[in-house]
Each structure stands twice: as structure tokens, then as C-alpha cells.
């Protein structure tokens, strides 16, 4: 990985990234959830030039079918929209809406990056967009920071719509978000 200016808030992540490593996806049956979502998809974003994004709460969100590590996914989000970041989640409804969007576009491999990360191995999780950490949907037993190396937040590991901590250098698709 070549050095780059990280803008400060991601500098520790870039330093901690190792060589890319594709993860093993667990097979999960998402069929029922996809059917349930098909009639309840969020409405289109109401911001000019972002009508192909979805409105979730006060944010516009978009699923990106690009396999990137956490840091590269965040930079992709910053370039995708003004004020863009990996998505933060602040309610059960928003979590369900994001999951519906993900399953619409990729029900076979729905594991994605969200914008949460553990702050310097403190056990405290924060959102990269600096919003309040006021909701969580962990798989039971998570986060566990396995081998002291799982600092980034993924969705749809083991259980639909549930969260897991994972190694930041793993590559996953992701959801970007901006507030309007």
C-alpha cells in the first residue's frame, strides 16, 4: 500500500492495515428478508444529482458493489458525495433499511463495511462521520476484537442485519452516506 495523506482521522487505520486478504463468506439464507424488503424499500434521495441514492433517516445512502478495505472504502465515500462517509446507523429502522438496500443488490455476499471503528483498542466504538454512537446491533458475543486485530465494523456476518468487528484490511462492499 502506498503512503497517502489520510486527513488525520484515518491515519491510525492506514498504519494498521496489512496486505489485503479476502475473507471467507458464511452462507446465510437471506431469501425471506429479501422478500420482506422488496415492498418496503426506502424512497429515493431528494437531493439533486443523488436521486439514485436512497433516503434513510436524514441521510442519503448508496450501496457500492466494490470490494475495498475499510480505509479505501471510506475514501471512496468521501469522493462519492459532498460530506460522504461510510454509513453510520442510529436506529433499528435505519439498520433494517440499510440491510434491505444491501440485500437488493447483493443477497449472495451481503457482508459490508459500515462506518464504525474501535477507537485505539479502547473498547469504545465511534462513527467515522463523528455522529453519536446511539445504536448498535451486534451479533451475540461481538465485538470480540479477536487476536486484538478487529477494529472495523461490518454488517451481515452470521445473522441478517447484525454487526461484527472485523480486520480493517479485509475487502468488502460498503454503503456510503451523506446528510442533507
Protein backbone atom coordinates (compact mmCIF):
# COMPACT_ATOMS: atom_id res chain seq x y z
CA UNK A 1 0.00 0.00 0.00
CA UNK A 2 1.44 3.35 -0.93
CA UNK A 3 1.51 6.12 1.66
CA UNK A 4 -1.17 8.78 1.35
CA UNK A 5 -2.49 11.74 3.27
CA UNK A 6 -5.28 10.37 5.42
CA UNK A 7 -6.73 13.60 6.71
CA UNK A 8 -5.86 12.74 10.32
CA UNK A 9 -8.93 10.80 11.41
CA UNK A 10 -7.92 7.67 9.49
CA UNK A 11 -4.17 7.87 9.87
CA UNK A 12 -4.08 5.19 12.57
CA UNK A 13 -6.08 2.86 10.29
CA UNK A 14 -3.74 3.25 7.36
CA UNK A 15 -0.80 2.43 9.62
CA UNK A 16 -2.56 -0.66 10.94
CA UNK A 17 -3.56 -2.08 7.55
CA UNK A 18 -1.75 -5.15 6.36
CA UNK A 19 -1.77 -6.73 2.95
CA UNK A 20 -5.23 -7.33 1.51
CA UNK A 21 -6.81 -10.63 2.43
CA UNK A 22 -10.14 -11.84 1.11
CA UNK A 23 -12.37 -13.31 3.79
CA UNK A 24 -14.40 -16.46 3.74
CA UNK A 25 -18.09 -15.67 3.44
CA UNK A 26 -20.52 -17.70 5.51
CA UNK A 27 -23.57 -18.98 3.68
CA UNK A 28 -26.70 -17.34 5.08
CA UNK A 29 -30.21 -17.72 3.70
CA UNK A 30 -31.47 -14.18 3.07
CA UNK A 31 -34.45 -15.16 0.90
CA UNK A 32 -37.16 -14.34 3.46
CA UNK A 33 -35.59 -10.99 4.31
CA UNK A 34 -35.26 -10.03 0.64
CA UNK A 35 -38.97 -10.74 0.06
CA UNK A 36 -39.90 -8.63 3.09
CA UNK A 37 -37.73 -5.74 1.89
CA UNK A 38 -38.96 -5.72 -1.69
CA UNK A 39 -42.14 -3.87 -0.73
CA UNK A 40 -40.56 -1.63 1.90
CA UNK A 41 -37.50 -0.19 0.17
CA UNK A 42 -36.58 3.32 1.29
CA UNK A 43 -37.63 6.12 -1.03
CA UNK A 44 -35.16 7.82 -3.39
CA UNK A 45 -32.96 10.61 -2.07
CA UNK A 46 -34.43 14.06 -2.69
CA UNK A 47 -31.09 15.77 -3.40
CA UNK A 48 -30.39 16.87 -6.99
CA UNK A 49 -27.93 14.52 -8.74
CA UNK A 50 -28.34 11.90 -5.99
CA UNK A 51 -31.82 10.62 -6.86
CA UNK A 52 -30.37 7.12 -7.40
CA UNK A 53 -29.36 7.05 -3.71
CA UNK A 54 -31.89 6.12 -1.00
CA UNK A 55 -33.27 8.26 1.81
CA UNK A 56 -32.63 6.66 5.23
CA UNK A 57 -33.46 8.95 8.14
CA UNK A 58 -31.78 12.31 7.48
CA UNK A 59 -29.20 10.75 5.18
CA UNK A 60 -28.90 9.66 1.60
CA UNK A 61 -27.20 6.27 1.20
CA UNK A 62 -25.84 4.19 -1.67
CA UNK A 63 -24.63 0.59 -1.84
CA UNK A 64 -21.26 0.21 -3.58
CA UNK A 65 -20.51 -3.16 -5.14
CA UNK A 66 -16.75 -2.60 -4.89
CA UNK A 67 -14.59 -4.79 -2.70
CA UNK A 68 -12.32 -2.43 -0.73
CA UNK A 69 -10.65 -2.40 2.67
CA UNK A 70 -12.17 -0.12 5.32
CA UNK A 71 -9.91 2.85 4.69
CA UNK A 72 -10.21 2.74 0.89
CA UNK A 73 -14.00 2.37 1.22
CA UNK A 74 -14.10 5.49 3.42
CA UNK A 75 -12.08 7.46 0.87
CA UNK A 76 -14.38 6.22 -1.91
CA UNK A 77 -17.36 7.52 0.09
CA UNK A 78 -15.67 10.89 0.61
CA UNK A 79 -15.23 11.15 -3.16
CA UNK A 80 -18.75 9.92 -3.97
CA UNK A 81 -20.68 12.79 -2.37
CA UNK A 82 -20.08 16.07 -0.50
CA UNK A 83 -19.75 15.17 3.17
CA UNK A 84 -19.75 11.48 2.28
CA UNK A 85 -18.61 8.78 4.71
CA UNK A 86 -19.18 5.11 5.31
CA UNK A 87 -22.70 4.87 6.71
CA UNK A 88 -23.46 5.31 10.39
CA UNK A 89 -26.59 3.72 11.86
CA UNK A 90 -28.75 5.36 14.53
CA UNK A 91 -31.89 3.26 14.80
CA UNK A 92 -33.33 -0.18 14.23
CA UNK A 93 -35.36 1.20 11.31
CA UNK A 94 -32.23 2.65 9.66
CA UNK A 95 -30.40 -0.64 10.21
CA UNK A 96 -33.27 -2.54 8.56
CA UNK A 97 -33.40 -0.07 5.66
CA UNK A 98 -29.67 -0.40 5.03
CA UNK A 99 -29.94 -4.16 5.15
CA UNK A 100 -32.79 -4.09 2.60
CA UNK A 101 -30.66 -1.97 0.26
CA UNK A 102 -27.70 -4.33 0.60
CA UNK A 103 -29.83 -7.43 0.01
CA UNK A 104 -31.47 -5.85 -3.04
CA UNK A 105 -28.09 -5.51 -4.74
CA UNK A 106 -26.13 -8.44 -3.35
CA UNK A 107 -28.04 -11.13 -1.48
CA UNK A 108 -25.34 -13.78 -2.08
CA UNK A 109 -22.49 -11.91 -0.34
CA UNK A 110 -24.11 -9.23 1.82
CA UNK A 111 -21.23 -8.58 4.23
CA UNK A 112 -20.44 -4.85 4.06
CA UNK A 113 -18.44 -2.18 5.82
CA UNK A 114 -20.29 0.36 7.92
CA UNK A 115 -18.55 3.46 9.25
CA UNK A 116 -17.85 2.28 12.78
CA UNK A 117 -14.46 1.55 14.27
CA UNK A 118 -12.98 0.83 17.67
CA UNK A 119 -11.13 3.86 18.98
CA UNK A 120 -7.50 2.86 19.64
CA UNK A 121 -8.25 -0.54 21.23
CA UNK A 122 -10.24 1.21 23.95
CA UNK A 123 -13.34 -0.93 23.59
CA UNK A 124 -15.17 2.28 22.63
CA UNK A 125 -16.79 2.30 19.18
CA UNK A 126 -17.22 5.53 17.22
CA UNK A 127 -18.66 6.56 13.87
CA UNK A 128 -16.23 7.89 11.29
CA UNK A 129 -18.65 10.73 10.48
CA UNK A 130 -18.35 11.87 14.13
CA UNK A 131 -22.06 11.31 14.84
CA UNK A 132 -23.21 9.89 18.18
CA UNK A 133 -22.88 6.15 18.81
CA UNK A 134 -26.51 5.78 19.89
CA UNK A 135 -27.48 2.41 18.40
CA UNK A 136 -25.85 -0.98 17.94
CA UNK A 137 -26.88 -4.37 16.58
CA UNK A 138 -24.07 -6.77 17.44
CA UNK A 139 -24.21 -10.50 16.85
CA UNK A 140 -24.25 -12.08 20.36
CA UNK A 141 -20.66 -12.32 21.63
CA UNK A 142 -19.45 -9.46 19.44
CA UNK A 143 -17.46 -7.30 19.32
CA UNK A 144 -14.70 -9.59 20.49
CA UNK A 145 -11.60 -7.99 18.93
CA UNK A 146 -10.28 -11.44 18.01
CA UNK A 147 -6.49 -11.60 18.40
CA UNK A 148 -6.55 -7.84 19.15
CA UNK A 149 -6.89 -7.07 15.45
CA UNK A 150 -10.61 -6.47 14.75
CA UNK A 151 -11.19 -2.73 14.77
CA UNK A 152 -13.71 -2.10 11.96
CA UNK A 153 -17.46 -2.65 11.74
CA UNK A 154 -19.14 -4.98 9.28
CA UNK A 155 -22.81 -5.85 8.81
CA UNK A 156 -24.41 -9.20 7.88
CA UNK A 157 -21.96 -11.60 9.46
CA UNK A 158 -23.67 -14.75 10.75
CA UNK A 159 -27.06 -13.01 11.12
CA UNK A 160 -29.00 -10.75 8.81
CA UNK A 161 -28.66 -7.11 9.83
CA UNK A 162 -26.33 -7.91 12.72
CA UNK A 163 -22.87 -6.46 13.27
CA UNK A 164 -19.41 -7.87 13.81
CA UNK A 165 -15.95 -6.44 14.34
CA UNK A 166 -13.50 -7.47 11.63
CA UNK A 167 -9.97 -6.78 10.46
CA UNK A 168 -9.84 -3.46 8.63
CA UNK A 169 -7.69 -4.77 5.77
CA UNK A 170 -10.33 -7.30 4.66
CA UNK A 171 -12.11 -6.30 1.49
CA UNK A 172 -15.88 -5.88 1.43
CA UNK A 173 -18.56 -3.97 -0.40
CA UNK A 174 -19.89 -0.99 1.53
CA UNK A 175 -22.59 1.64 2.00
CA UNK A 176 -21.83 5.36 1.74
CA UNK A 177 -23.90 8.08 3.30
CA UNK A 178 -24.20 11.85 3.45
CA UNK A 179 -26.56 14.04 5.46
CA UNK A 180 -28.70 16.59 3.68
